[in-house]
Amino acid sequence: MSECSVYPDRVFRRALLQSVNGIAVVHNHPSGNVEPSSADIAMIKRLEKGSRILGITFLDFLIVGRSSYYSWRENQAFHKNEEEKS
């Protein structure tokens, strides 16, 4: 399997039924490469937009590899700090 479909309506349905304040999405890349694919980035943007519409905090999107991980929030904070230093 090289791809797994995530359905935002199912993610948010579950979140709304549980009356959550925020969500974090975690998935793995069996290859071990934790860099987000173009499909990952598209999904992140859809989940962020859906969260804003529904008033649910989008906490993070994590990709787990064999010995490392990628955090969308940590990466965004890193890039923001780098831009502020420039």
Protein backbone atom coordinates (compact mmCIF):
# COMPACT_ATOMS: atom_id res chain seq x y z
CA MET A 1 0.00 0.00 0.00
CA SER A 2 1.42 3.34 -0.95
CA GLU A 3 -1.52 5.54 -0.04
CA CYS A 4 -4.20 5.76 2.60
CA SER A 5 -7.30 7.88 2.14
CA VAL A 6 -8.35 10.21 4.92
CA TYR A 7 -11.86 11.54 4.80
CA PRO A 8 -12.19 14.90 6.58
CA ASP A 9 -15.92 14.38 7.09
CA ARG A 10 -15.18 11.21 9.08
CA VAL A 11 -12.46 12.92 11.09
CA PHE A 12 -14.69 15.85 11.98
CA ARG A 13 -17.77 13.69 12.57
CA ARG A 14 -15.89 11.75 15.21
CA ALA A 15 -14.50 14.95 16.73
CA LEU A 16 -17.93 16.58 16.88
CA LEU A 17 -19.56 13.50 18.39
CA GLN A 18 -16.90 13.51 21.12
CA SER A 19 -17.30 17.30 21.66
CA VAL A 20 -13.56 17.87 21.33
CA ASN A 21 -11.83 21.23 21.51
CA GLY A 22 -9.03 20.22 19.17
CA ILE A 23 -7.70 17.46 16.94
CA ALA A 24 -4.30 16.07 16.04
CA VAL A 25 -3.90 13.69 13.13
CA VAL A 26 -1.12 11.09 13.17
CA HIS A 27 -0.14 8.67 10.45
CA ASN A 28 2.89 6.71 9.42
CA HIS A 29 5.09 6.54 6.36
CA PRO A 30 6.29 2.93 6.18
CA SER A 31 9.17 4.05 3.95
CA GLY A 32 10.66 5.86 6.95
CA ASN A 33 10.77 9.17 5.05
CA VAL A 34 8.77 11.59 7.18
CA GLU A 35 8.69 14.52 4.75
CA PRO A 36 5.07 15.29 3.86
CA SER A 37 3.97 14.30 0.38
CA SER A 38 1.90 16.61 -1.82
CA ALA A 39 -1.16 14.55 -0.77
CA ASP A 40 -0.24 15.11 2.91
CA ILE A 41 0.04 18.86 2.39
CA ALA A 42 -3.31 18.98 0.58
CA MET A 43 -4.92 17.04 3.44
CA ILE A 44 -3.36 19.31 6.07
CA LYS A 45 -4.82 22.36 4.33
CA ARG A 46 -8.27 20.74 4.13
CA LEU A 47 -8.17 19.79 7.81
CA GLU A 48 -7.01 23.27 8.85
CA LYS A 49 -9.82 24.88 6.84
CA GLY A 50 -12.43 22.47 8.22
CA SER A 51 -11.21 23.10 11.75
CA ARG A 52 -11.57 26.85 11.34
CA ILE A 53 -15.09 26.48 9.94
CA LEU A 54 -16.17 24.17 12.78
CA GLY A 55 -14.38 26.07 15.55
CA ILE A 56 -12.13 23.14 16.43
CA THR A 57 -8.45 23.79 17.13
CA PHE A 58 -6.20 21.98 14.65
CA LEU A 59 -3.40 20.95 16.98
CA ASP A 60 -1.02 19.13 14.66
CA PHE A 61 -0.49 16.74 11.79
CA LEU A 62 2.22 14.22 12.64
CA ILE A 63 3.99 11.83 10.30
CA VAL A 64 5.81 8.97 12.00
CA GLY A 65 8.69 7.11 10.36
CA ARG A 66 10.95 4.34 11.56
CA SER A 67 13.11 6.48 13.82
CA SER A 68 11.85 10.03 13.38
CA TYR A 69 8.72 12.11 13.01
CA TYR A 70 7.50 15.25 11.28
CA SER A 71 5.29 17.75 13.08
CA TRP A 72 3.43 20.29 10.95
CA ARG A 73 3.26 22.73 13.91
CA GLU A 74 6.94 22.40 14.82
CA ASN A 75 7.93 22.86 11.19
CA GLN A 76 5.72 25.94 10.77
CA ALA A 77 7.10 27.47 13.98
CA PHE A 78 10.66 26.77 12.79
CA HIS A 79 10.05 28.51 9.46
CA LYS A 80 8.36 31.45 11.19
CA ASN A 81 11.34 31.89 13.53
CA GLU A 82 13.77 31.70 10.60
CA GLU A 83 11.81 34.39 8.72
CA GLU A 84 11.82 36.66 11.80
CA LYS A 85 15.62 36.33 12.08
CA SER A 86 16.13 37.42 8.47
